[in-house]
Amino acid sequence: MEAVIPISLPLSLRVSGSALKIIAVLSMIADHCAYFLLGQSDALYEPLRCLGRIAFPVFAFLVAEGFAHSRNRMRYFLTLLGVGIISELPWYLLNGYDGTHNVMFTLALGVVALAMFDRLCEHGPLSFISVSLIAVAAWWFGTDYDWRGVAMIVLFYILRFNTINPWLERRHICFPSQALLQIIFTFPLMAHYGIAGAVLASAVIFLYDGSRGFIRGKTAKYAFYAVYPAHLLLISVCI
């Protein structure tokens, strides 16, 4: 079975997982600053919101990659859930009691969906029903990006070549080719939140080179997670 259609990129254009995290965080902060601190008539509002649409698809992609490489998936889930719980207070301060919940719960539910898929993938209909129920739960509980967020994470994971063909050696994978397949199937979900943002997010994901990058160790990892509740809290103070 042929693994991929070779697609190569100059080394200078490729980005690591750590670089994707930085891009996603900056995009998220730009989006939230525009949404909460600027008026819609402000000249920077639309450009910043457009850049902000990069964030979630990249986070969804990173969750799929993180789940695939995690040595302790339960801890990975509990970390996302814990950050979600901590982030609920600043989320409430910004949004009030509107029935919605922050995006970390969507990412945590995405991990649950991936675990169910892995466990039940040999039972096609049961696997599909289980993942669908988790997506419905995201919609029911009003998590940010709701069912589309869960679906995006699952598609990114399913369309990894190591998921489709687990015996394929990692060194034989051409990541831009893999990302192209993932982008094709997730683009309609991304485009729901804006075509321009979906194109930008797709371009960023396409450049992923499969490496972990420079964010290593527990301190750096948890500092990355802490950015989410911290920036929400800071914005709430500035309003």
C-alpha atoms as a PDB file:
ATOM      1  CA  MET A   1       0.000   0.000   0.000  1.00  0.00           C
ATOM      2  CA  GLU A   2       1.393   3.386  -1.010  1.00  0.00           C
ATOM      3  CA  ALA A   3       1.677   5.577   2.054  1.00  0.00           C
ATOM      4  CA  VAL A   4       1.700   9.110   0.700  1.00  0.00           C
ATOM      5  CA  ILE A   5       2.055  11.257  -2.362  1.00  0.00           C
ATOM      6  CA  PRO A   6       5.453  12.941  -1.848  1.00  0.00           C
ATOM      7  CA  ILE A   7       5.169  16.632  -1.158  1.00  0.00           C
ATOM      8  CA  SER A   8       8.238  18.473   0.026  1.00  0.00           C
ATOM      9  CA  LEU A   9       8.684  21.877   1.592  1.00  0.00           C
ATOM     10  CA  PRO A  10      11.831  23.929   2.172  1.00  0.00           C
ATOM     11  CA  LEU A  11      13.130  23.376   5.700  1.00  0.00           C
ATOM     12  CA  SER A  12      12.784  27.105   6.385  1.00  0.00           C
ATOM     13  CA  LEU A  13       9.007  26.854   5.913  1.00  0.00           C
ATOM     14  CA  ARG A  14       8.392  23.878   8.189  1.00  0.00           C
ATOM     15  CA  VAL A  15       7.190  24.374  11.748  1.00  0.00           C
ATOM     16  CA  SER A  16       7.325  22.152  14.821  1.00  0.00           C
ATOM     17  CA  GLY A  17       4.541  21.314  17.237  1.00  0.00           C
ATOM     18  CA  SER A  18       5.888  23.943  19.630  1.00  0.00           C
ATOM     19  CA  ALA A  19       5.748  26.599  16.918  1.00  0.00           C
ATOM     20  CA  LEU A  20       2.142  25.604  16.203  1.00  0.00           C
ATOM     21  CA  LYS A  21       1.339  26.096  19.896  1.00  0.00           C
ATOM     22  CA  ILE A  22       2.816  29.600  19.886  1.00  0.00           C
ATOM     23  CA  ILE A  23       0.924  30.520  16.715  1.00  0.00           C
ATOM     24  CA  ALA A  24      -2.347  29.184  18.144  1.00  0.00           C
ATOM     25  CA  VAL A  25      -1.909  31.011  21.465  1.00  0.00           C
ATOM     26  CA  LEU A  26      -1.112  34.343  19.790  1.00  0.00           C
ATOM     27  CA  SER A  27      -4.059  33.889  17.456  1.00  0.00           C
ATOM     28  CA  MET A  28      -6.371  33.120  20.385  1.00  0.00           C
ATOM     29  CA  ILE A  29      -5.224  36.163  22.349  1.00  0.00           C
ATOM     30  CA  ALA A  30      -5.671  38.419  19.312  1.00  0.00           C
ATOM     31  CA  ASP A  31      -9.186  37.059  18.786  1.00  0.00           C
ATOM     32  CA  HIS A  32     -10.264  37.492  22.394  1.00  0.00           C
ATOM     33  CA  CYS A  33      -8.766  40.973  22.653  1.00  0.00           C
ATOM     34  CA  ALA A  34     -10.715  42.026  19.569  1.00  0.00           C
ATOM     35  CA  TYR A  35     -13.951  40.389  20.715  1.00  0.00           C
ATOM     36  CA  PHE A  36     -13.953  41.693  24.277  1.00  0.00           C
ATOM     37  CA  LEU A  37     -11.964  44.932  24.089  1.00  0.00           C
ATOM     38  CA  LEU A  38     -12.710  46.410  20.660  1.00  0.00           C
ATOM     39  CA  GLY A  39     -15.917  47.535  19.035  1.00  0.00           C
ATOM     40  CA  GLN A  40     -17.057  46.073  15.724  1.00  0.00           C
ATOM     41  CA  SER A  41     -16.510  49.458  14.078  1.00  0.00           C
ATOM     42  CA  ASP A  42     -12.840  49.476  15.093  1.00  0.00           C
ATOM     43  CA  ALA A  43     -10.459  49.115  12.143  1.00  0.00           C
ATOM     44  CA  LEU A  44      -8.554  46.267  13.817  1.00  0.00           C
ATOM     45  CA  TYR A  45     -11.634  44.284  14.820  1.00  0.00           C
ATOM     46  CA  GLU A  46     -12.162  42.214  11.666  1.00  0.00           C
ATOM     47  CA  PRO A  47      -8.459  41.542  10.924  1.00  0.00           C
ATOM     48  CA  LEU A  48      -7.859  40.335  14.481  1.00  0.00           C
ATOM     49  CA  ARG A  49     -10.997  38.171  14.474  1.00  0.00           C
ATOM     50  CA  CYS A  50      -9.867  36.669  11.164  1.00  0.00           C
ATOM     51  CA  LEU A  51      -6.441  35.854  12.629  1.00  0.00           C
ATOM     52  CA  GLY A  52      -8.239  34.434  15.643  1.00  0.00           C
ATOM     53  CA  ARG A  53      -9.873  31.771  13.524  1.00  0.00           C
ATOM     54  CA  ILE A  54      -6.474  30.092  13.241  1.00  0.00           C
ATOM     55  CA  ALA A  55      -6.481  29.113  16.907  1.00  0.00           C
ATOM     56  CA  PHE A  56      -9.032  26.357  17.367  1.00  0.00           C
ATOM     57  CA  PRO A  57      -8.223  24.238  14.283  1.00  0.00           C
ATOM     58  CA  VAL A  58      -4.557  24.285  15.307  1.00  0.00           C
ATOM     59  CA  PHE A  59      -5.432  23.362  18.908  1.00  0.00           C
ATOM     60  CA  ALA A  60      -7.668  20.560  17.614  1.00  0.00           C
ATOM     61  CA  PHE A  61      -4.826  19.310  15.419  1.00  0.00           C
ATOM     62  CA  LEU A  62      -2.422  19.443  18.374  1.00  0.00           C
ATOM     63  CA  VAL A  63      -4.828  17.491  20.584  1.00  0.00           C
ATOM     64  CA  ALA A  64      -5.008  14.739  17.962  1.00  0.00           C
ATOM     65  CA  GLU A  65      -1.201  14.649  17.766  1.00  0.00           C
ATOM     66  CA  GLY A  66      -0.851  14.866  21.541  1.00  0.00           C
ATOM     67  CA  PHE A  67      -3.264  11.997  22.095  1.00  0.00           C
ATOM     68  CA  ALA A  68      -1.409   9.850  19.566  1.00  0.00           C
ATOM     69  CA  HIS A  69       1.931  10.370  21.299  1.00  0.00           C
ATOM     70  CA  SER A  70       0.809  10.582  24.928  1.00  0.00           C
ATOM     71  CA  ARG A  71       2.164   7.894  27.239  1.00  0.00           C
ATOM     72  CA  ASN A  72      -0.597   8.584  29.770  1.00  0.00           C
ATOM     73  CA  ARG A  73      -3.857   9.455  28.038  1.00  0.00           C
ATOM     74  CA  MET A  74      -5.844   9.614  31.245  1.00  0.00           C
ATOM     75  CA  ARG A  75      -3.497  12.267  32.614  1.00  0.00           C
ATOM     76  CA  TYR A  76      -3.748  14.133  29.319  1.00  0.00           C
ATOM     77  CA  PHE A  77      -7.541  14.158  29.645  1.00  0.00           C
ATOM     78  CA  LEU A  78      -7.450  15.171  33.309  1.00  0.00           C
ATOM     79  CA  THR A  79      -5.052  18.030  32.530  1.00  0.00           C
ATOM     80  CA  LEU A  80      -7.399  19.456  29.903  1.00  0.00           C
ATOM     81  CA  LEU A  81     -10.378  18.960  32.184  1.00  0.00           C
ATOM     82  CA  GLY A  82      -8.585  20.606  35.107  1.00  0.00           C
ATOM     83  CA  VAL A  83      -7.628  23.644  33.036  1.00  0.00           C
ATOM     84  CA  GLY A  84     -11.234  23.833  31.852  1.00  0.00           C
ATOM     85  CA  ILE A  85     -12.526  23.866  35.431  1.00  0.00           C
ATOM     86  CA  ILE A  86     -10.020  26.555  36.442  1.00  0.00           C
ATOM     87  CA  SER A  87     -10.945  28.617  33.379  1.00  0.00           C
ATOM     88  CA  GLU A  88     -14.665  28.630  34.128  1.00  0.00           C
ATOM     89  CA  LEU A  89     -14.413  31.599  36.515  1.00  0.00           C
ATOM     90  CA  PRO A  90     -12.718  33.983  34.046  1.00  0.00           C
ATOM     91  CA  TRP A  91     -15.014  32.603  31.312  1.00  0.00           C
ATOM     92  CA  TYR A  92     -18.014  33.490  33.476  1.00  0.00           C
ATOM     93  CA  LEU A  93     -16.613  36.947  34.216  1.00  0.00           C
ATOM     94  CA  LEU A  94     -16.379  37.622  30.482  1.00  0.00           C
ATOM     95  CA  ASN A  95     -19.527  35.931  29.201  1.00  0.00           C
ATOM     96  CA  GLY A  96     -21.860  35.875  32.176  1.00  0.00           C
ATOM     97  CA  TYR A  97     -24.186  32.971  32.733  1.00  0.00           C
ATOM     98  CA  ASP A  98     -25.089  32.405  29.080  1.00  0.00           C
ATOM     99  CA  GLY A  99     -25.121  28.590  29.168  1.00  0.00           C
ATOM    100  CA  THR A 100     -21.762  28.237  27.412  1.00  0.00           C
ATOM    101  CA  HIS A 101     -18.517  26.745  28.673  1.00  0.00           C
ATOM    102  CA  ASN A 102     -14.902  27.299  27.728  1.00  0.00           C
ATOM    103  CA  VAL A 103     -13.058  25.538  24.947  1.00  0.00           C
ATOM    104  CA  MET A 104     -10.922  23.376  27.236  1.00  0.00           C
ATOM    105  CA  PHE A 105     -13.989  21.228  27.879  1.00  0.00           C
ATOM    106  CA  THR A 106     -14.352  20.745  24.119  1.00  0.00           C
ATOM    107  CA  LEU A 107     -10.727  19.615  23.895  1.00  0.00           C
ATOM    108  CA  ALA A 108     -11.213  17.260  26.858  1.00  0.00           C
ATOM    109  CA  LEU A 109     -14.318  15.768  25.245  1.00  0.00           C
ATOM    110  CA  GLY A 110     -12.281  15.388  22.066  1.00  0.00           C
ATOM    111  CA  VAL A 111      -9.799  13.234  23.970  1.00  0.00           C
ATOM    112  CA  VAL A 112     -12.680  11.102  25.286  1.00  0.00           C
ATOM    113  CA  ALA A 113     -13.944  10.698  21.718  1.00  0.00           C
ATOM    114  CA  LEU A 114     -10.492   9.599  20.546  1.00  0.00           C
ATOM    115  CA  ALA A 115     -10.219   7.088  23.379  1.00  0.00           C
ATOM    116  CA  MET A 116     -13.614   5.651  22.436  1.00  0.00           C
ATOM    117  CA  PHE A 117     -12.608   5.504  18.787  1.00  0.00           C
ATOM    118  CA  ASP A 118      -9.395   3.666  19.612  1.00  0.00           C
ATOM    119  CA  ARG A 119     -11.186   1.171  21.816  1.00  0.00           C
ATOM    120  CA  LEU A 120     -14.104   0.517  19.473  1.00  0.00           C
ATOM    121  CA  CYS A 121     -12.577   1.092  16.037  1.00  0.00           C
ATOM    122  CA  GLU A 122     -12.937  -2.594  15.161  1.00  0.00           C
ATOM    123  CA  HIS A 123     -16.690  -2.252  15.715  1.00  0.00           C
ATOM    124  CA  GLY A 124     -17.454   0.396  13.101  1.00  0.00           C
ATOM    125  CA  PRO A 125     -21.083   1.338  13.888  1.00  0.00           C
ATOM    126  CA  LEU A 126     -20.527   1.263  17.658  1.00  0.00           C
ATOM    127  CA  SER A 127     -17.440   3.460  17.323  1.00  0.00           C
ATOM    128  CA  PHE A 128     -19.337   5.968  15.181  1.00  0.00           C
ATOM    129  CA  ILE A 129     -22.273   6.068  17.610  1.00  0.00           C
ATOM    130  CA  SER A 130     -19.979   6.576  20.610  1.00  0.00           C
ATOM    131  CA  VAL A 131     -18.072   9.432  18.992  1.00  0.00           C
ATOM    132  CA  SER A 132     -21.335  10.996  17.808  1.00  0.00           C
ATOM    133  CA  LEU A 133     -22.778  10.886  21.329  1.00  0.00           C
ATOM    134  CA  ILE A 134     -19.727  12.693  22.683  1.00  0.00           C
ATOM    135  CA  ALA A 135     -20.083  15.345  19.965  1.00  0.00           C
ATOM    136  CA  VAL A 136     -23.752  15.742  20.904  1.00  0.00           C
ATOM    137  CA  ALA A 137     -22.710  16.098  24.552  1.00  0.00           C
ATOM    138  CA  ALA A 138     -20.418  18.989  23.592  1.00  0.00           C
ATOM    139  CA  TRP A 139     -23.357  20.671  21.857  1.00  0.00           C
ATOM    140  CA  TRP A 140     -25.733  19.929  24.752  1.00  0.00           C
ATOM    141  CA  PHE A 141     -23.398  21.387  27.376  1.00  0.00           C
ATOM    142  CA  GLY A 142     -22.669  24.443  25.252  1.00  0.00           C
ATOM    143  CA  THR A 143     -18.899  24.046  25.081  1.00  0.00           C
ATOM    144  CA  ASP A 144     -17.107  26.461  22.785  1.00  0.00           C
ATOM    145  CA  TYR A 145     -17.041  25.117  19.202  1.00  0.00           C
ATOM    146  CA  ASP A 146     -19.481  22.396  20.406  1.00  0.00           C
ATOM    147  CA  TRP A 147     -19.898  19.306  18.191  1.00  0.00           C
ATOM    148  CA  ARG A 148     -17.842  20.743  15.363  1.00  0.00           C
ATOM    149  CA  GLY A 149     -14.845  21.002  17.662  1.00  0.00           C
ATOM    150  CA  VAL A 150     -15.080  17.350  18.675  1.00  0.00           C
ATOM    151  CA  ALA A 151     -15.611  16.280  15.059  1.00  0.00           C
ATOM    152  CA  MET A 152     -12.561  18.260  13.966  1.00  0.00           C
ATOM    153  CA  ILE A 153     -10.349  16.590  16.575  1.00  0.00           C
ATOM    154  CA  VAL A 154     -11.593  13.123  15.606  1.00  0.00           C
ATOM    155  CA  LEU A 155     -11.046  13.731  11.893  1.00  0.00           C
ATOM    156  CA  PHE A 156      -7.528  15.028  12.467  1.00  0.00           C
ATOM    157  CA  TYR A 157      -6.790  11.855  14.426  1.00  0.00           C
ATOM    158  CA  ILE A 158      -8.442   9.364  12.077  1.00  0.00           C
ATOM    159  CA  LEU A 159      -6.679  10.827   9.058  1.00  0.00           C
ATOM    160  CA  ARG A 160      -3.210  10.516  10.578  1.00  0.00           C
ATOM    161  CA  PHE A 161      -1.371   7.928   8.488  1.00  0.00           C
ATOM    162  CA  ASN A 162      -0.258   6.160  11.661  1.00  0.00           C
ATOM    163  CA  THR A 163      -3.925   5.706  12.552  1.00  0.00           C
ATOM    164  CA  ILE A 164      -4.971   4.571   9.092  1.00  0.00           C
ATOM    165  CA  ASN A 165      -1.925   2.351   8.673  1.00  0.00           C
ATOM    166  CA  PRO A 166      -0.368   1.708  12.121  1.00  0.00           C
ATOM    167  CA  TRP A 167       2.416  -0.496  10.798  1.00  0.00           C
ATOM    168  CA  LEU A 168       3.804   2.351   8.698  1.00  0.00           C
ATOM    169  CA  GLU A 169       7.128   3.547  10.083  1.00  0.00           C
ATOM    170  CA  ARG A 170       7.148   7.182  11.210  1.00  0.00           C
ATOM    171  CA  ARG A 171      10.203   8.084   9.139  1.00  0.00           C
ATOM    172  CA  HIS A 172       8.293   7.191   5.966  1.00  0.00           C
ATOM    173  CA  ILE A 173       5.572   9.751   6.607  1.00  0.00           C
ATOM    174  CA  CYS A 174       5.651  13.002   4.684  1.00  0.00           C
ATOM    175  CA  PHE A 175       3.824  15.339   7.040  1.00  0.00           C
ATOM    176  CA  PRO A 176       2.743  17.966   4.505  1.00  0.00           C
ATOM    177  CA  SER A 177       1.073  15.166   2.533  1.00  0.00           C
ATOM    178  CA  GLN A 178      -0.636  13.872   5.668  1.00  0.00           C
ATOM    179  CA  ALA A 179      -1.814  17.371   6.595  1.00  0.00           C
ATOM    180  CA  LEU A 180      -3.253  17.873   3.113  1.00  0.00           C
ATOM    181  CA  LEU A 181      -5.580  14.915   3.584  1.00  0.00           C
ATOM    182  CA  GLN A 182      -6.572  16.120   7.048  1.00  0.00           C
ATOM    183  CA  ILE A 183      -7.242  19.649   5.793  1.00  0.00           C
ATOM    184  CA  ILE A 184      -9.462  18.494   2.940  1.00  0.00           C
ATOM    185  CA  PHE A 185     -11.839  16.710   5.312  1.00  0.00           C
ATOM    186  CA  THR A 186     -11.792  19.239   8.159  1.00  0.00           C
ATOM    187  CA  PHE A 187     -11.991  22.395   6.030  1.00  0.00           C
ATOM    188  CA  PRO A 188     -15.824  22.476   5.912  1.00  0.00           C
ATOM    189  CA  LEU A 189     -15.871  22.479   9.717  1.00  0.00           C
ATOM    190  CA  MET A 190     -13.232  25.211   9.885  1.00  0.00           C
ATOM    191  CA  ALA A 191     -15.011  27.266   7.213  1.00  0.00           C
ATOM    192  CA  HIS A 192     -18.144  27.461   9.364  1.00  0.00           C
ATOM    193  CA  TYR A 193     -16.298  30.094  11.401  1.00  0.00           C
ATOM    194  CA  GLY A 194     -14.996  32.017   8.395  1.00  0.00           C
ATOM    195  CA  ILE A 195     -13.400  31.124   5.066  1.00  0.00           C
ATOM    196  CA  ALA A 196     -10.376  33.410   5.427  1.00  0.00           C
ATOM    197  CA  GLY A 197      -9.563  32.082   8.878  1.00  0.00           C
ATOM    198  CA  ALA A 198      -9.989  28.504   7.669  1.00  0.00           C
ATOM    199  CA  VAL A 199      -7.513  29.126   4.846  1.00  0.00           C
ATOM    200  CA  LEU A 200      -4.988  30.615   7.270  1.00  0.00           C
ATOM    201  CA  ALA A 201      -5.417  27.735   9.735  1.00  0.00           C
ATOM    202  CA  SER A 202      -5.029  25.209   6.918  1.00  0.00           C
ATOM    203  CA  ALA A 203      -1.824  26.878   5.761  1.00  0.00           C
ATOM    204  CA  VAL A 204      -0.355  26.754   9.273  1.00  0.00           C
ATOM    205  CA  ILE A 205      -1.265  23.080   9.787  1.00  0.00           C
ATOM    206  CA  PHE A 206       0.131  22.192   6.358  1.00  0.00           C
ATOM    207  CA  LEU A 207       3.564  23.414   7.440  1.00  0.00           C
ATOM    208  CA  TYR A 208       3.801  21.013  10.408  1.00  0.00           C
ATOM    209  CA  ASP A 209       6.940  18.890  10.188  1.00  0.00           C
ATOM    210  CA  GLY A 210       6.014  16.176  12.727  1.00  0.00           C
ATOM    211  CA  SER A 211       8.561  17.228  15.354  1.00  0.00           C
ATOM    212  CA  ARG A 212       7.824  18.150  18.965  1.00  0.00           C
ATOM    213  CA  GLY A 213       9.894  21.325  18.995  1.00  0.00           C
ATOM    214  CA  PHE A 214      11.325  23.402  21.822  1.00  0.00           C
ATOM    215  CA  ILE A 215       8.486  23.269  24.400  1.00  0.00           C
ATOM    216  CA  ARG A 216       9.655  20.434  26.635  1.00  0.00           C
ATOM    217  CA  GLY A 217       9.460  19.558  30.310  1.00  0.00           C
ATOM    218  CA  LYS A 218       6.646  19.903  32.825  1.00  0.00           C
ATOM    219  CA  THR A 219       7.264  23.581  33.589  1.00  0.00           C
ATOM    220  CA  ALA A 220       6.997  24.669  29.959  1.00  0.00           C
ATOM    221  CA  LYS A 221       4.025  22.371  29.353  1.00  0.00           C
ATOM    222  CA  TYR A 222       1.954  23.636  32.256  1.00  0.00           C
ATOM    223  CA  ALA A 223       2.945  27.248  31.561  1.00  0.00           C
ATOM    224  CA  PHE A 224       1.449  26.757  28.110  1.00  0.00           C
ATOM    225  CA  TYR A 225      -1.818  25.504  29.620  1.00  0.00           C
ATOM    226  CA  ALA A 226      -1.851  28.370  32.136  1.00  0.00           C
ATOM    227  CA  VAL A 227      -1.951  30.954  29.348  1.00  0.00           C
ATOM    228  CA  TYR A 228      -5.613  30.173  28.671  1.00  0.00           C
ATOM    229  CA  PRO A 229      -7.167  31.035  32.052  1.00  0.00           C
ATOM    230  CA  ALA A 230      -4.578  33.760  32.682  1.00  0.00           C
ATOM    231  CA  HIS A 231      -5.345  35.724  29.527  1.00  0.00           C
ATOM    232  CA  LEU A 232      -9.108  35.416  30.089  1.00  0.00           C
ATOM    233  CA  LEU A 233      -8.694  36.731  33.617  1.00  0.00           C
ATOM    234  CA  LEU A 234      -6.503  39.609  32.450  1.00  0.00           C
ATOM    235  CA  ILE A 235      -9.018  40.619  29.784  1.00  0.00           C
ATOM    236  CA  SER A 236     -11.848  40.503  32.329  1.00  0.00           C
ATOM    237  CA  VAL A 237      -9.859  42.888  34.538  1.00  0.00           C
ATOM    238  CA  CYS A 238      -9.317  45.276  31.624  1.00  0.00           C
ATOM    239  CA  ILE A 239     -12.992  45.534  30.675  1.00  0.00           C
END
